[in-house]
Amino acid sequence: MDITGIAKLSTSIAETGNAQEIGLAMLKKSQDIAASTATQLLDAVQAAPSVQNLPAHLGNTINTKA
């Protein structure tokens, strides 16, 4: 193996390592964003009022002859 082959191999290994590190950092960032979004959605669901806009007489009787 000559010097240029060793240099190319070394450069290739370094670039692969950098690409993997960047990909891992992007994955972690996207997971953080997803977790933040999920937390916001859960907070919004829990904070929603449970007041219904239905008249008070609805749901008091069951029609068994229908």
N, C-alpha and C. Protein backbone atom coordinates (compact mmCIF):
# COMPACT_ATOMS: atom_id res chain seq x y z
N MET A 1 0.85 -1.17 0.00
CA MET A 1 0.00 0.00 0.00
C MET A 1 0.89 1.23 0.00
N ASP A 2 0.63 2.14 -0.89
CA ASP A 2 1.46 3.34 -0.99
C ASP A 2 0.94 4.45 -0.08
N ILE A 3 1.64 5.54 -0.03
CA ILE A 3 1.32 6.66 0.85
C ILE A 3 -0.02 7.28 0.48
N THR A 4 -0.31 7.43 -0.81
CA THR A 4 -1.58 8.06 -1.20
C THR A 4 -2.77 7.18 -0.82
N GLY A 5 -2.60 5.87 -0.90
CA GLY A 5 -3.67 4.95 -0.51
C GLY A 5 -3.97 5.06 0.98
N ILE A 6 -2.92 5.18 1.77
CA ILE A 6 -3.09 5.33 3.22
C ILE A 6 -3.77 6.66 3.53
N ALA A 7 -3.37 7.71 2.83
CA ALA A 7 -3.96 9.02 3.06
C ALA A 7 -5.44 9.02 2.67
N LYS A 8 -5.77 8.39 1.54
CA LYS A 8 -7.18 8.30 1.12
C LYS A 8 -8.01 7.51 2.13
N LEU A 9 -7.46 6.40 2.62
CA LEU A 9 -8.16 5.60 3.59
C LEU A 9 -8.39 6.38 4.88
N SER A 10 -7.38 7.08 5.32
CA SER A 10 -7.49 7.88 6.54
C SER A 10 -8.55 8.98 6.38
N THR A 11 -8.54 9.64 5.25
CA THR A 11 -9.53 10.69 4.99
C THR A 11 -10.93 10.12 4.93
N SER A 12 -11.07 8.97 4.29
CA SER A 12 -12.37 8.32 4.19
C SER A 12 -12.91 7.93 5.56
N ILE A 13 -12.05 7.38 6.40
CA ILE A 13 -12.46 7.00 7.75
C ILE A 13 -12.86 8.23 8.55
N ALA A 14 -12.11 9.31 8.44
CA ALA A 14 -12.43 10.54 9.18
C ALA A 14 -13.76 11.13 8.71
N GLU A 15 -14.00 11.14 7.40
CA GLU A 15 -15.25 11.68 6.87
C GLU A 15 -16.44 10.83 7.31
N THR A 16 -16.27 9.52 7.34
CA THR A 16 -17.34 8.63 7.78
C THR A 16 -17.67 8.89 9.25
N GLY A 17 -16.65 9.04 10.06
CA GLY A 17 -16.86 9.33 11.48
C GLY A 17 -17.58 10.65 11.68
N ASN A 18 -17.20 11.67 10.91
CA ASN A 18 -17.86 12.98 11.01
C ASN A 18 -19.32 12.88 10.59
N ALA A 19 -19.58 12.16 9.52
CA ALA A 19 -20.95 12.02 9.04
C ALA A 19 -21.81 11.30 10.07
N GLN A 20 -21.25 10.29 10.71
CA GLN A 20 -22.00 9.57 11.73
C GLN A 20 -22.27 10.46 12.94
N GLU A 21 -21.30 11.25 13.34
CA GLU A 21 -21.48 12.16 14.48
C GLU A 21 -22.55 13.21 14.17
N ILE A 22 -22.54 13.73 12.96
CA ILE A 22 -23.54 14.73 12.56
C ILE A 22 -24.93 14.08 12.52
N GLY A 23 -25.02 12.88 11.96
CA GLY A 23 -26.30 12.18 11.92
C GLY A 23 -26.84 11.89 13.31
N LEU A 24 -25.97 11.51 14.22
CA LEU A 24 -26.39 11.23 15.60
C LEU A 24 -26.85 12.51 16.30
N ALA A 25 -26.14 13.60 16.06
CA ALA A 25 -26.54 14.88 16.66
C ALA A 25 -27.90 15.33 16.13
N MET A 26 -28.13 15.14 14.84
CA MET A 26 -29.43 15.51 14.26
C MET A 26 -30.55 14.62 14.82
N LEU A 27 -30.26 13.34 15.02
CA LEU A 27 -31.26 12.43 15.59
C LEU A 27 -31.62 12.85 17.01
N LYS A 28 -30.62 13.18 17.81
CA LYS A 28 -30.87 13.62 19.18
C LYS A 28 -31.69 14.91 19.21
N LYS A 29 -31.36 15.83 18.31
CA LYS A 29 -32.09 17.09 18.26
C LYS A 29 -33.55 16.86 17.86
N SER A 30 -33.78 15.99 16.88
CA SER A 30 -35.15 15.71 16.46
C SER A 30 -35.93 15.01 17.57
N GLN A 31 -35.27 14.16 18.35
CA GLN A 31 -35.95 13.52 19.48
C GLN A 31 -36.30 14.55 20.54
N ASP A 32 -35.41 15.51 20.78
CA ASP A 32 -35.71 16.57 21.75
C ASP A 32 -36.91 17.40 21.30
N ILE A 33 -36.96 17.72 20.02
CA ILE A 33 -38.08 18.50 19.48
C ILE A 33 -39.38 17.71 19.60
N ALA A 34 -39.32 16.41 19.28
CA ALA A 34 -40.51 15.57 19.37
C ALA A 34 -41.00 15.47 20.82
N ALA A 35 -40.08 15.33 21.75
CA ALA A 35 -40.46 15.25 23.16
C ALA A 35 -41.09 16.56 23.62
N SER A 36 -40.54 17.67 23.19
CA SER A 36 -41.08 18.97 23.55
C SER A 36 -42.49 19.16 22.99
N THR A 37 -42.67 18.76 21.75
CA THR A 37 -43.98 18.87 21.11
C THR A 37 -45.01 17.98 21.81
N ALA A 38 -44.60 16.76 22.16
CA ALA A 38 -45.51 15.85 22.85
C ALA A 38 -45.90 16.42 24.21
N THR A 39 -44.95 17.00 24.91
CA THR A 39 -45.25 17.61 26.21
C THR A 39 -46.23 18.76 26.07
N GLN A 40 -46.04 19.59 25.06
CA GLN A 40 -46.95 20.70 24.82
C GLN A 40 -48.36 20.21 24.49
N LEU A 41 -48.45 19.14 23.69
CA LEU A 41 -49.76 18.59 23.34
C LEU A 41 -50.46 18.01 24.58
N LEU A 42 -49.72 17.31 25.41
CA LEU A 42 -50.30 16.75 26.63
C LEU A 42 -50.76 17.85 27.58
N ASP A 43 -49.98 18.90 27.69
CA ASP A 43 -50.38 20.03 28.53
C ASP A 43 -51.64 20.69 27.99
N ALA A 44 -51.75 20.80 26.68
CA ALA A 44 -52.92 21.42 26.07
C ALA A 44 -54.17 20.58 26.30
N VAL A 45 -54.03 19.27 26.23
CA VAL A 45 -55.18 18.38 26.44
C VAL A 45 -55.64 18.45 27.89
N GLN A 46 -54.71 18.48 28.82
CA GLN A 46 -55.07 18.53 30.23
C GLN A 46 -55.68 19.87 30.61
N ALA A 47 -55.27 20.93 29.92
CA ALA A 47 -55.76 22.27 30.25
C ALA A 47 -57.11 22.59 29.59
N ALA A 48 -57.54 21.76 28.66
CA ALA A 48 -58.79 22.03 27.95
C ALA A 48 -59.97 21.90 28.91
N PRO A 49 -60.89 22.85 28.85
CA PRO A 49 -62.06 22.77 29.74
C PRO A 49 -62.99 21.63 29.30
N SER A 50 -63.64 21.02 30.26
CA SER A 50 -64.54 19.91 29.96
C SER A 50 -66.00 20.35 29.91
N VAL A 51 -66.23 21.61 29.63
CA VAL A 51 -67.59 22.14 29.55
C VAL A 51 -68.17 21.80 28.18
N GLN A 52 -69.38 21.24 28.19
CA GLN A 52 -70.04 20.91 26.93
C GLN A 52 -71.10 21.96 26.63
N ASN A 53 -71.28 22.22 25.37
CA ASN A 53 -72.28 23.21 24.96
C ASN A 53 -73.60 22.54 24.62
N LEU A 54 -74.04 21.61 25.45
CA LEU A 54 -75.29 20.91 25.22
C LEU A 54 -76.33 21.35 26.24
N PRO A 55 -77.59 21.29 25.87
CA PRO A 55 -78.65 21.62 26.84
C PRO A 55 -78.63 20.63 28.02
N ALA A 56 -79.11 21.07 29.17
CA ALA A 56 -79.07 20.26 30.38
C ALA A 56 -79.99 19.05 30.30
N HIS A 57 -81.05 19.10 29.48
CA HIS A 57 -82.01 17.98 29.43
C HIS A 57 -81.53 16.81 28.58
N LEU A 58 -80.49 17.00 27.79
CA LEU A 58 -80.01 15.91 26.94
C LEU A 58 -79.25 14.87 27.76
N GLY A 59 -79.52 13.60 27.47
CA GLY A 59 -78.83 12.51 28.14
C GLY A 59 -79.46 12.05 29.43
N ASN A 60 -80.63 12.58 29.78
CA ASN A 60 -81.28 12.19 31.02
C ASN A 60 -82.18 10.97 30.85
N THR A 61 -82.65 10.70 29.64
CA THR A 61 -83.55 9.57 29.40
C THR A 61 -83.03 8.73 28.25
N ILE A 62 -83.47 7.46 28.25
CA ILE A 62 -83.10 6.55 27.18
C ILE A 62 -84.38 6.07 26.50
N ASN A 63 -84.45 6.18 25.19
CA ASN A 63 -85.60 5.74 24.43
C ASN A 63 -85.44 4.25 24.13
N THR A 64 -86.20 3.42 24.81
CA THR A 64 -86.08 1.96 24.63
C THR A 64 -87.05 1.41 23.59
N LYS A 65 -87.93 2.24 23.02
CA LYS A 65 -88.92 1.79 22.04
C LYS A 65 -88.48 2.02 20.60
N ALA A 66 -87.37 2.60 20.40
CA ALA A 66 -86.93 2.95 19.06
C ALA A 66 -86.48 1.73 18.28
